[in-house]
């Protein structure tokens, strides 16, 4: 069973990285439209470093944490699979909402 889980963990890891890239790009798009950042950590980083560097910093940190989860898959494969599934589910929901509002902005 462990061997069959490995491809799905790889796919989840790559999907999570893709979602992080999208989230960073969409965050930048929204910030350039004048919408303030809701996350206080990112907001403070934006005030200190500027929009691009703050987004890059937090997205790289998120990707490093995802890589850490992936790297620990040999010790706790089931936990790694659940963690990557949870993060991809949350960011997928945010992706759908973001695309919806992006299309509303484009059309309206």
PDB file of N, CA and C in Angstrom:
ATOM      1  N   UNK A   1       0.810  -1.190   0.000  1.00  0.00           N
ATOM      2  CA  UNK A   1       0.000   0.000   0.000  1.00  0.00           C
ATOM      3  C   UNK A   1       0.856   1.258   0.000  1.00  0.00           C
ATOM      4  N   UNK A   2       2.007   1.229   0.658  1.00  0.00           N
ATOM      5  CA  UNK A   2       2.862   2.400   0.732  1.00  0.00           C
ATOM      6  C   UNK A   2       3.391   2.790  -0.641  1.00  0.00           C
ATOM      7  N   UNK A   3       3.701   1.809  -1.470  1.00  0.00           N
ATOM      8  CA  UNK A   3       4.218   2.112  -2.799  1.00  0.00           C
ATOM      9  C   UNK A   3       3.159   2.772  -3.670  1.00  0.00           C
ATOM     10  N   UNK A   4       1.896   2.419  -3.477  1.00  0.00           N
ATOM     11  CA  UNK A   4       0.839   3.028  -4.276  1.00  0.00           C
ATOM     12  C   UNK A   4       0.535   4.455  -3.834  1.00  0.00           C
ATOM     13  N   UNK A   5       0.898   4.824  -2.614  1.00  0.00           N
ATOM     14  CA  UNK A   5       0.643   6.172  -2.136  1.00  0.00           C
ATOM     15  C   UNK A   5       1.665   7.171  -2.668  1.00  0.00           C
ATOM     16  N   UNK A   6       2.865   6.720  -3.004  1.00  0.00           N
ATOM     17  CA  UNK A   6       3.930   7.620  -3.404  1.00  0.00           C
ATOM     18  C   UNK A   6       3.565   8.500  -4.595  1.00  0.00           C
ATOM     19  N   UNK A   7       2.993   7.973  -5.675  1.00  0.00           N
ATOM     20  CA  UNK A   7       2.623   8.860  -6.784  1.00  0.00           C
ATOM     21  C   UNK A   7       1.595   9.915  -6.376  1.00  0.00           C
ATOM     22  N   UNK A   8       0.651   9.551  -5.521  1.00  0.00           N
ATOM     23  CA  UNK A   8      -0.347  10.534  -5.126  1.00  0.00           C
ATOM     24  C   UNK A   8       0.268  11.625  -4.255  1.00  0.00           C
ATOM     25  N   UNK A   9       1.257  11.285  -3.444  1.00  0.00           N
ATOM     26  CA  UNK A   9       1.932  12.302  -2.646  1.00  0.00           C
ATOM     27  C   UNK A   9       2.721  13.241  -3.553  1.00  0.00           C
ATOM     28  N   UNK A  10       3.376  12.690  -4.566  1.00  0.00           N
ATOM     29  CA  UNK A  10       4.091  13.521  -5.536  1.00  0.00           C
ATOM     30  C   UNK A  10       3.136  14.480  -6.229  1.00  0.00           C
ATOM     31  N   UNK A  11       2.005  13.966  -6.672  1.00  0.00           N
ATOM     32  CA  UNK A  11       1.027  14.812  -7.359  1.00  0.00           C
ATOM     33  C   UNK A  11       0.489  15.889  -6.434  1.00  0.00           C
ATOM     34  N   UNK A  12       0.182  15.539  -5.198  1.00  0.00           N
ATOM     35  CA  UNK A  12      -0.310  16.528  -4.241  1.00  0.00           C
ATOM     36  C   UNK A  12       0.741  17.596  -3.958  1.00  0.00           C
ATOM     37  N   UNK A  13       1.985  17.180  -3.846  1.00  0.00           N
ATOM     38  CA  UNK A  13       3.059  18.131  -3.600  1.00  0.00           C
ATOM     39  C   UNK A  13       3.183  19.117  -4.759  1.00  0.00           C
ATOM     40  N   UNK A  14       3.203  18.613  -5.985  1.00  0.00           N
ATOM     41  CA  UNK A  14       3.310  19.486  -7.151  1.00  0.00           C
ATOM     42  C   UNK A  14       2.081  20.380  -7.286  1.00  0.00           C
ATOM     43  N   UNK A  15       0.902  19.833  -6.997  1.00  0.00           N
ATOM     44  CA  UNK A  15      -0.333  20.619  -7.060  1.00  0.00           C
ATOM     45  C   UNK A  15      -0.304  21.734  -6.020  1.00  0.00           C
ATOM     46  N   UNK A  16       0.178  21.439  -4.811  1.00  0.00           N
ATOM     47  CA  UNK A  16       0.292  22.462  -3.774  1.00  0.00           C
ATOM     48  C   UNK A  16       1.247  23.575  -4.189  1.00  0.00           C
ATOM     49  N   UNK A  17       2.364  23.218  -4.803  1.00  0.00           N
ATOM     50  CA  UNK A  17       3.301  24.235  -5.273  1.00  0.00           C
ATOM     51  C   UNK A  17       2.663  25.111  -6.344  1.00  0.00           C
ATOM     52  N   UNK A  18       1.920  24.506  -7.243  1.00  0.00           N
ATOM     53  CA  UNK A  18       1.217  25.257  -8.279  1.00  0.00           C
ATOM     54  C   UNK A  18       0.194  26.211  -7.662  1.00  0.00           C
ATOM     55  N   UNK A  19      -0.520  25.744  -6.654  1.00  0.00           N
ATOM     56  CA  UNK A  19      -1.501  26.601  -5.982  1.00  0.00           C
ATOM     57  C   UNK A  19      -0.826  27.764  -5.261  1.00  0.00           C
ATOM     58  N   UNK A  20       0.357  27.547  -4.700  1.00  0.00           N
ATOM     59  CA  UNK A  20       1.088  28.629  -4.047  1.00  0.00           C
ATOM     60  C   UNK A  20       1.503  29.697  -5.063  1.00  0.00           C
ATOM     61  N   UNK A  21       1.937  29.255  -6.228  1.00  0.00           N
ATOM     62  CA  UNK A  21       2.315  30.201  -7.279  1.00  0.00           C
ATOM     63  C   UNK A  21       1.100  31.016  -7.706  1.00  0.00           C
ATOM     64  N   UNK A  22      -0.025  30.348  -7.931  1.00  0.00           N
ATOM     65  CA  UNK A  22      -1.235  31.061  -8.310  1.00  0.00           C
ATOM     66  C   UNK A  22      -1.641  32.044  -7.219  1.00  0.00           C
ATOM     67  N   UNK A  23      -1.598  31.613  -5.972  1.00  0.00           N
ATOM     68  CA  UNK A  23      -2.004  32.479  -4.876  1.00  0.00           C
ATOM     69  C   UNK A  23      -1.109  33.721  -4.803  1.00  0.00           C
ATOM     70  N   UNK A  24       0.172  33.546  -5.015  1.00  0.00           N
ATOM     71  CA  UNK A  24       1.076  34.701  -5.017  1.00  0.00           C
ATOM     72  C   UNK A  24       0.762  35.675  -6.145  1.00  0.00           C
ATOM     73  N   UNK A  25       0.521  35.145  -7.337  1.00  0.00           N
ATOM     74  CA  UNK A  25       0.188  36.003  -8.474  1.00  0.00           C
ATOM     75  C   UNK A  25      -1.144  36.712  -8.271  1.00  0.00           C
ATOM     76  N   UNK A  26      -2.118  35.980  -7.752  1.00  0.00           N
ATOM     77  CA  UNK A  26      -3.430  36.593  -7.542  1.00  0.00           C
ATOM     78  C   UNK A  26      -3.372  37.626  -6.417  1.00  0.00           C
ATOM     79  N   UNK A  27      -2.600  37.347  -5.382  1.00  0.00           N
ATOM     80  CA  UNK A  27      -2.441  38.324  -4.307  1.00  0.00           C
ATOM     81  C   UNK A  27      -1.840  39.617  -4.839  1.00  0.00           C
ATOM     82  N   UNK A  28      -0.832  39.486  -5.679  1.00  0.00           N
ATOM     83  CA  UNK A  28      -0.235  40.681  -6.278  1.00  0.00           C
ATOM     84  C   UNK A  28      -1.251  41.428  -7.140  1.00  0.00           C
ATOM     85  N   UNK A  29      -2.026  40.699  -7.921  1.00  0.00           N
ATOM     86  CA  UNK A  29      -3.053  41.321  -8.766  1.00  0.00           C
ATOM     87  C   UNK A  29      -4.054  42.100  -7.915  1.00  0.00           C
ATOM     88  N   UNK A  30      -4.507  41.498  -6.836  1.00  0.00           N
ATOM     89  CA  UNK A  30      -5.503  42.142  -5.978  1.00  0.00           C
ATOM     90  C   UNK A  30      -4.910  43.371  -5.289  1.00  0.00           C
ATOM     91  N   UNK A  31      -3.657  43.251  -4.849  1.00  0.00           N
ATOM     92  CA  UNK A  31      -3.020  44.394  -4.193  1.00  0.00           C
ATOM     93  C   UNK A  31      -2.840  45.567  -5.148  1.00  0.00           C
ATOM     94  N   UNK A  32      -2.545  45.287  -6.413  1.00  0.00           N
ATOM     95  CA  UNK A  32      -2.392  46.373  -7.385  1.00  0.00           C
ATOM     96  C   UNK A  32      -3.718  47.026  -7.720  1.00  0.00           C
ATOM     97  N   UNK A  33      -4.807  46.346  -7.415  1.00  0.00           N
ATOM     98  CA  UNK A  33      -6.149  46.914  -7.608  1.00  0.00           C
ATOM     99  C   UNK A  33      -6.576  47.775  -6.428  1.00  0.00           C
ATOM    100  N   UNK A  34      -5.733  47.836  -5.393  1.00  0.00           N
ATOM    101  CA  UNK A  34      -6.045  48.689  -4.247  1.00  0.00           C
ATOM    102  C   UNK A  34      -6.702  47.991  -3.079  1.00  0.00           C
ATOM    103  N   UNK A  35      -6.860  46.693  -3.162  1.00  0.00           N
ATOM    104  CA  UNK A  35      -7.470  45.944  -2.062  1.00  0.00           C
ATOM    105  C   UNK A  35      -6.387  45.669  -1.016  1.00  0.00           C
ATOM    106  N   UNK A  36      -6.622  46.041   0.249  1.00  0.00           N
ATOM    107  CA  UNK A  36      -5.592  45.804   1.270  1.00  0.00           C
ATOM    108  C   UNK A  36      -5.493  44.322   1.636  1.00  0.00           C
ATOM    109  N   UNK A  37      -4.307  43.922   2.045  1.00  0.00           N
ATOM    110  CA  UNK A  37      -4.070  42.534   2.470  1.00  0.00           C
ATOM    111  C   UNK A  37      -4.721  42.317   3.828  1.00  0.00           C
ATOM    112  N   UNK A  38      -5.443  41.201   3.971  1.00  0.00           N
ATOM    113  CA  UNK A  38      -6.140  40.902   5.219  1.00  0.00           C
ATOM    114  C   UNK A  38      -5.238  40.229   6.248  1.00  0.00           C
ATOM    115  N   UNK A  39      -4.259  39.464   5.781  1.00  0.00           N
ATOM    116  CA  UNK A  39      -3.370  38.756   6.695  1.00  0.00           C
ATOM    117  C   UNK A  39      -2.403  39.765   7.333  1.00  0.00           C
ATOM    118  N   UNK A  40      -2.431  39.880   8.674  1.00  0.00           N
ATOM    119  CA  UNK A  40      -1.584  40.897   9.310  1.00  0.00           C
ATOM    120  C   UNK A  40      -0.083  40.648   9.143  1.00  0.00           C
ATOM    121  N   UNK A  41       0.347  39.403   9.059  1.00  0.00           N
ATOM    122  CA  UNK A  41       1.769  39.113   8.856  1.00  0.00           C
ATOM    123  C   UNK A  41       2.229  39.605   7.490  1.00  0.00           C
ATOM    124  N   UNK A  42       1.452  39.287   6.471  1.00  0.00           N
ATOM    125  CA  UNK A  42       1.808  39.712   5.119  1.00  0.00           C
ATOM    126  C   UNK A  42       1.662  41.226   4.980  1.00  0.00           C
ATOM    127  N   UNK A  43       0.623  41.783   5.603  1.00  0.00           N
ATOM    128  CA  UNK A  43       0.419  43.225   5.544  1.00  0.00           C
ATOM    129  C   UNK A  43       1.624  43.970   6.135  1.00  0.00           C
ATOM    130  N   UNK A  44       2.118  43.520   7.283  1.00  0.00           N
ATOM    131  CA  UNK A  44       3.294  44.155   7.893  1.00  0.00           C
ATOM    132  C   UNK A  44       4.534  43.989   7.025  1.00  0.00           C
ATOM    133  N   UNK A  45       4.672  42.830   6.393  1.00  0.00           N
ATOM    134  CA  UNK A  45       5.807  42.617   5.490  1.00  0.00           C
ATOM    135  C   UNK A  45       5.702  43.533   4.270  1.00  0.00           C
ATOM    136  N   UNK A  46       4.499  43.756   3.787  1.00  0.00           N
ATOM    137  CA  UNK A  46       4.303  44.654   2.644  1.00  0.00           C
ATOM    138  C   UNK A  46       4.716  46.073   3.013  1.00  0.00           C
ATOM    139  N   UNK A  47       4.340  46.518   4.205  1.00  0.00           N
ATOM    140  CA  UNK A  47       4.730  47.860   4.643  1.00  0.00           C
ATOM    141  C   UNK A  47       6.246  47.974   4.798  1.00  0.00           C
ATOM    142  N   UNK A  48       6.889  46.887   5.216  1.00  0.00           N
ATOM    143  CA  UNK A  48       8.338  46.922   5.442  1.00  0.00           C
ATOM    144  C   UNK A  48       9.150  46.731   4.163  1.00  0.00           C
ATOM    145  N   UNK A  49       8.758  45.777   3.309  1.00  0.00           N
ATOM    146  CA  UNK A  49       9.578  45.388   2.165  1.00  0.00           C
ATOM    147  C   UNK A  49       8.984  45.737   0.815  1.00  0.00           C
ATOM    148  N   UNK A  50       7.728  46.067   0.770  1.00  0.00           N
ATOM    149  CA  UNK A  50       7.056  46.287  -0.505  1.00  0.00           C
ATOM    150  C   UNK A  50       6.261  45.052  -0.904  1.00  0.00           C
ATOM    151  N   UNK A  51       5.369  45.242  -1.859  1.00  0.00           N
ATOM    152  CA  UNK A  51       4.434  44.172  -2.235  1.00  0.00           C
ATOM    153  C   UNK A  51       5.139  42.927  -2.768  1.00  0.00           C
ATOM    154  N   UNK A  52       6.010  43.114  -3.725  1.00  0.00           N
ATOM    155  CA  UNK A  52       6.611  41.959  -4.402  1.00  0.00           C
ATOM    156  C   UNK A  52       7.466  41.134  -3.445  1.00  0.00           C
ATOM    157  N   UNK A  53       8.357  41.789  -2.694  1.00  0.00           N
ATOM    158  CA  UNK A  53       9.250  41.048  -1.808  1.00  0.00           C
ATOM    159  C   UNK A  53       8.497  40.371  -0.675  1.00  0.00           C
ATOM    160  N   UNK A  54       7.448  41.005  -0.185  1.00  0.00           N
ATOM    161  CA  UNK A  54       6.657  40.383   0.884  1.00  0.00           C
ATOM    162  C   UNK A  54       5.945  39.136   0.379  1.00  0.00           C
ATOM    163  N   UNK A  55       5.351  39.237  -0.800  1.00  0.00           N
ATOM    164  CA  UNK A  55       4.664  38.074  -1.368  1.00  0.00           C
ATOM    165  C   UNK A  55       5.655  36.959  -1.668  1.00  0.00           C
ATOM    166  N   UNK A  56       6.787  37.313  -2.258  1.00  0.00           N
ATOM    167  CA  UNK A  56       7.804  36.299  -2.565  1.00  0.00           C
ATOM    168  C   UNK A  56       8.271  35.624  -1.286  1.00  0.00           C
ATOM    169  N   UNK A  57       8.544  36.407  -0.250  1.00  0.00           N
ATOM    170  CA  UNK A  57       9.009  35.831   1.021  1.00  0.00           C
ATOM    171  C   UNK A  57       8.004  34.831   1.584  1.00  0.00           C
ATOM    172  N   UNK A  58       6.738  35.219   1.688  1.00  0.00           N
ATOM    173  CA  UNK A  58       5.739  34.338   2.306  1.00  0.00           C
ATOM    174  C   UNK A  58       5.417  33.134   1.432  1.00  0.00           C
ATOM    175  N   UNK A  59       5.457  33.294   0.123  1.00  0.00           N
ATOM    176  CA  UNK A  59       5.193  32.154  -0.761  1.00  0.00           C
ATOM    177  C   UNK A  59       6.367  31.179  -0.756  1.00  0.00           C
ATOM    178  N   UNK A  60       7.587  31.704  -0.708  1.00  0.00           N
ATOM    179  CA  UNK A  60       8.750  30.817  -0.603  1.00  0.00           C
ATOM    180  C   UNK A  60       8.720  30.074   0.729  1.00  0.00           C
ATOM    181  N   UNK A  61       8.353  30.767   1.799  1.00  0.00           N
ATOM    182  CA  UNK A  61       8.232  30.106   3.101  1.00  0.00           C
ATOM    183  C   UNK A  61       7.175  29.000   3.050  1.00  0.00           C
ATOM    184  N   UNK A  62       6.044  29.273   2.435  1.00  0.00           N
ATOM    185  CA  UNK A  62       5.001  28.254   2.308  1.00  0.00           C
ATOM    186  C   UNK A  62       5.496  27.063   1.492  1.00  0.00           C
ATOM    187  N   UNK A  63       6.230  27.320   0.419  1.00  0.00           N
ATOM    188  CA  UNK A  63       6.762  26.226  -0.402  1.00  0.00           C
ATOM    189  C   UNK A  63       7.813  25.414   0.353  1.00  0.00           C
ATOM    190  N   UNK A  64       8.620  26.077   1.159  1.00  0.00           N
ATOM    191  CA  UNK A  64       9.611  25.364   1.975  1.00  0.00           C
ATOM    192  C   UNK A  64       8.904  24.470   2.989  1.00  0.00           C
ATOM    193  N   UNK A  65       7.838  24.967   3.603  1.00  0.00           N
ATOM    194  CA  UNK A  65       7.085  24.147   4.558  1.00  0.00           C
ATOM    195  C   UNK A  65       6.409  22.962   3.865  1.00  0.00           C
ATOM    196  N   UNK A  66       5.902  23.189   2.659  1.00  0.00           N
ATOM    197  CA  UNK A  66       5.342  22.070   1.892  1.00  0.00           C
ATOM    198  C   UNK A  66       6.428  21.052   1.561  1.00  0.00           C
ATOM    199  N   UNK A  67       7.607  21.530   1.220  1.00  0.00           N
ATOM    200  CA  UNK A  67       8.721  20.624   0.925  1.00  0.00           C
ATOM    201  C   UNK A  67       9.129  19.845   2.171  1.00  0.00           C
ATOM    202  N   UNK A  68       9.049  20.475   3.326  1.00  0.00           N
ATOM    203  CA  UNK A  68       9.349  19.782   4.579  1.00  0.00           C
ATOM    204  C   UNK A  68       8.338  18.673   4.842  1.00  0.00           C
ATOM    205  N   UNK A  69       7.072  18.967   4.619  1.00  0.00           N
ATOM    206  CA  UNK A  69       6.043  17.928   4.763  1.00  0.00           C
ATOM    207  C   UNK A  69       6.333  16.782   3.801  1.00  0.00           C
ATOM    208  N   UNK A  70       6.674  17.146   2.574  1.00  0.00           N
ATOM    209  CA  UNK A  70       6.961  16.119   1.573  1.00  0.00           C
ATOM    210  C   UNK A  70       8.207  15.317   1.941  1.00  0.00           C
ATOM    211  N   UNK A  71       9.225  15.998   2.459  1.00  0.00           N
ATOM    212  CA  UNK A  71      10.467  15.315   2.823  1.00  0.00           C
ATOM    213  C   UNK A  71      10.265  14.336   3.976  1.00  0.00           C
ATOM    214  N   UNK A  72       9.311  14.610   4.836  1.00  0.00           N
ATOM    215  CA  UNK A  72       9.044  13.739   5.980  1.00  0.00           C
ATOM    216  C   UNK A  72       8.057  12.618   5.651  1.00  0.00           C
ATOM    217  N   UNK A  73       7.741  12.465   4.374  1.00  0.00           N
ATOM    218  CA  UNK A  73       6.756  11.452   3.966  1.00  0.00           C
ATOM    219  C   UNK A  73       7.204  10.038   4.297  1.00  0.00           C
ATOM    220  N   UNK A  74       8.502   9.795   4.377  1.00  0.00           N
ATOM    221  CA  UNK A  74       8.993   8.446   4.670  1.00  0.00           C
ATOM    222  C   UNK A  74       8.764   8.075   6.132  1.00  0.00           C
ATOM    223  N   UNK A  75       8.744   9.070   7.004  1.00  0.00           N
ATOM    224  CA  UNK A  75       8.529   8.800   8.425  1.00  0.00           C
ATOM    225  C   UNK A  75       7.040   8.642   8.761  1.00  0.00           C
ATOM    226  N   UNK A  76       6.243   9.515   8.207  1.00  0.00           N
ATOM    227  CA  UNK A  76       4.801   9.509   8.473  1.00  0.00           C
ATOM    228  C   UNK A  76       4.051   9.707   7.159  1.00  0.00           C
ATOM    229  N   UNK A  77       3.971   8.661   6.370  1.00  0.00           N
ATOM    230  CA  UNK A  77       3.382   8.790   5.040  1.00  0.00           C
ATOM    231  C   UNK A  77       1.904   9.168   5.100  1.00  0.00           C
ATOM    232  N   UNK A  78       1.167   8.553   5.988  1.00  0.00           N
ATOM    233  CA  UNK A  78      -0.256   8.853   6.095  1.00  0.00           C
ATOM    234  C   UNK A  78      -0.478  10.300   6.533  1.00  0.00           C
ATOM    235  N   UNK A  79       0.312  10.762   7.489  1.00  0.00           N
ATOM    236  CA  UNK A  79       0.188  12.136   7.964  1.00  0.00           C
ATOM    237  C   UNK A  79       0.574  13.126   6.870  1.00  0.00           C
ATOM    238  N   UNK A  80       1.614  12.820   6.120  1.00  0.00           N
ATOM    239  CA  UNK A  80       2.033  13.686   5.012  1.00  0.00           C
ATOM    240  C   UNK A  80       0.942  13.770   3.955  1.00  0.00           C
ATOM    241  N   UNK A  81       0.351  12.640   3.638  1.00  0.00           N
ATOM    242  CA  UNK A  81      -0.728  12.617   2.647  1.00  0.00           C
ATOM    243  C   UNK A  81      -1.910  13.456   3.114  1.00  0.00           C
ATOM    244  N   UNK A  82      -2.270  13.329   4.379  1.00  0.00           N
ATOM    245  CA  UNK A  82      -3.391  14.115   4.918  1.00  0.00           C
ATOM    246  C   UNK A  82      -3.072  15.599   4.947  1.00  0.00           C
ATOM    247  N   UNK A  83      -1.848  15.955   5.325  1.00  0.00           N
ATOM    248  CA  UNK A  83      -1.459  17.365   5.386  1.00  0.00           C
ATOM    249  C   UNK A  83      -1.475  17.997   3.996  1.00  0.00           C
ATOM    250  N   UNK A  84      -0.919  17.301   3.006  1.00  0.00           N
ATOM    251  CA  UNK A  84      -0.909  17.832   1.647  1.00  0.00           C
ATOM    252  C   UNK A  84      -2.324  17.892   1.064  1.00  0.00           C
ATOM    253  N   UNK A  85      -3.156  16.938   1.428  1.00  0.00           N
ATOM    254  CA  UNK A  85      -4.552  16.962   0.977  1.00  0.00           C
ATOM    255  C   UNK A  85      -5.288  18.142   1.583  1.00  0.00           C
ATOM    256  N   UNK A  86      -5.074  18.389   2.858  1.00  0.00           N
ATOM    257  CA  UNK A  86      -5.726  19.513   3.525  1.00  0.00           C
ATOM    258  C   UNK A  86      -5.303  20.844   2.913  1.00  0.00           C
ATOM    259  N   UNK A  87      -4.008  21.036   2.725  1.00  0.00           N
ATOM    260  CA  UNK A  87      -3.551  22.307   2.162  1.00  0.00           C
ATOM    261  C   UNK A  87      -4.031  22.499   0.727  1.00  0.00           C
ATOM    262  N   UNK A  88      -4.038  21.430  -0.045  1.00  0.00           N
ATOM    263  CA  UNK A  88      -4.522  21.574  -1.429  1.00  0.00           C
ATOM    264  C   UNK A  88      -6.026  21.825  -1.461  1.00  0.00           C
ATOM    265  N   UNK A  89      -6.764  21.262  -0.532  1.00  0.00           N
ATOM    266  CA  UNK A  89      -8.207  21.510  -0.475  1.00  0.00           C
ATOM    267  C   UNK A  89      -8.493  22.965  -0.133  1.00  0.00           C
ATOM    268  N   UNK A  90      -7.806  23.488   0.864  1.00  0.00           N
ATOM    269  CA  UNK A  90      -8.020  24.881   1.274  1.00  0.00           C
ATOM    270  C   UNK A  90      -7.648  25.830   0.140  1.00  0.00           C
ATOM    271  N   UNK A  91      -6.472  25.636  -0.442  1.00  0.00           N
ATOM    272  CA  UNK A  91      -6.046  26.536  -1.513  1.00  0.00           C
ATOM    273  C   UNK A  91      -6.854  26.345  -2.791  1.00  0.00           C
ATOM    274  N   UNK A  92      -7.390  25.158  -3.025  1.00  0.00           N
ATOM    275  CA  UNK A  92      -8.273  24.960  -4.187  1.00  0.00           C
ATOM    276  C   UNK A  92      -9.564  25.744  -4.022  1.00  0.00           C
ATOM    277  N   UNK A  93     -10.102  25.737  -2.816  1.00  0.00           N
ATOM    278  CA  UNK A  93     -11.314  26.526  -2.557  1.00  0.00           C
ATOM    279  C   UNK A  93     -11.030  28.012  -2.743  1.00  0.00           C
ATOM    280  N   UNK A  94      -9.889  28.466  -2.254  1.00  0.00           N
ATOM    281  CA  UNK A  94      -9.504  29.867  -2.448  1.00  0.00           C
ATOM    282  C   UNK A  94      -9.298  30.173  -3.928  1.00  0.00           C
ATOM    283  N   UNK A  95      -8.768  29.207  -4.669  1.00  0.00           N
ATOM    284  CA  UNK A  95      -8.578  29.367  -6.105  1.00  0.00           C
ATOM    285  C   UNK A  95      -9.918  29.580  -6.807  1.00  0.00           C
ATOM    286  N   UNK A  96     -10.898  28.767  -6.476  1.00  0.00           N
ATOM    287  CA  UNK A  96     -12.218  28.880  -7.115  1.00  0.00           C
ATOM    288  C   UNK A  96     -12.847  30.232  -6.801  1.00  0.00           C
ATOM    289  N   UNK A  97     -12.788  30.647  -5.559  1.00  0.00           N
ATOM    290  CA  UNK A  97     -13.339  31.946  -5.168  1.00  0.00           C
ATOM    291  C   UNK A  97     -12.593  33.076  -5.869  1.00  0.00           C
ATOM    292  N   UNK A  98     -11.277  32.974  -5.950  1.00  0.00           N
ATOM    293  CA  UNK A  98     -10.471  34.002  -6.604  1.00  0.00           C
ATOM    294  C   UNK A  98     -10.800  34.120  -8.082  1.00  0.00           C
ATOM    295  N   UNK A  99     -10.927  32.996  -8.754  1.00  0.00           N
ATOM    296  CA  UNK A  99     -11.271  33.021 -10.178  1.00  0.00           C
ATOM    297  C   UNK A  99     -12.655  33.617 -10.379  1.00  0.00           C
ATOM    298  N   UNK A 100     -13.583  33.292  -9.495  1.00  0.00           N
ATOM    299  CA  UNK A 100     -14.938  33.851  -9.578  1.00  0.00           C
ATOM    300  C   UNK A 100     -14.892  35.379  -9.499  1.00  0.00           C
ATOM    301  N   UNK A 101     -14.196  35.917  -8.502  1.00  0.00           N
ATOM    302  CA  UNK A 101     -14.122  37.366  -8.353  1.00  0.00           C
ATOM    303  C   UNK A 101     -13.294  38.016  -9.454  1.00  0.00           C
ATOM    304  N   UNK A 102     -12.285  37.312  -9.951  1.00  0.00           N
ATOM    305  CA  UNK A 102     -11.500  37.824 -11.074  1.00  0.00           C
ATOM    306  C   UNK A 102     -12.380  37.958 -12.312  1.00  0.00           C
ATOM    307  N   UNK A 103     -13.198  36.936 -12.582  1.00  0.00           N
ATOM    308  CA  UNK A 103     -14.099  37.001 -13.734  1.00  0.00           C
ATOM    309  C   UNK A 103     -15.170  38.073 -13.561  1.00  0.00           C
ATOM    310  N   UNK A 104     -15.665  38.236 -12.343  1.00  0.00           N
ATOM    311  CA  UNK A 104     -16.622  39.311 -12.085  1.00  0.00           C
ATOM    312  C   UNK A 104     -16.001  40.672 -12.364  1.00  0.00           C
ATOM    313  N   UNK A 105     -14.754  40.830 -11.965  1.00  0.00           N
ATOM    314  CA  UNK A 105     -14.048  42.092 -12.181  1.00  0.00           C
ATOM    315  C   UNK A 105     -13.820  42.319 -13.669  1.00  0.00           C
ATOM    316  N   UNK A 106     -13.504  41.273 -14.393  1.00  0.00           N
ATOM    317  CA  UNK A 106     -13.271  41.398 -15.830  1.00  0.00           C
ATOM    318  C   UNK A 106     -14.550  41.744 -16.592  1.00  0.00           C
ATOM    319  N   UNK A 107     -15.630  41.091 -16.200  1.00  0.00           N
ATOM    320  CA  UNK A 107     -16.889  41.274 -16.924  1.00  0.00           C
ATOM    321  C   UNK A 107     -17.690  42.489 -16.470  1.00  0.00           C
ATOM    322  N   UNK A 108     -17.436  42.929 -15.254  1.00  0.00           N
ATOM    323  CA  UNK A 108     -18.274  43.993 -14.723  1.00  0.00           C
ATOM    324  C   UNK A 108     -17.525  45.202 -14.490  1.00  0.00           C
TER     325      UNK A 108
END
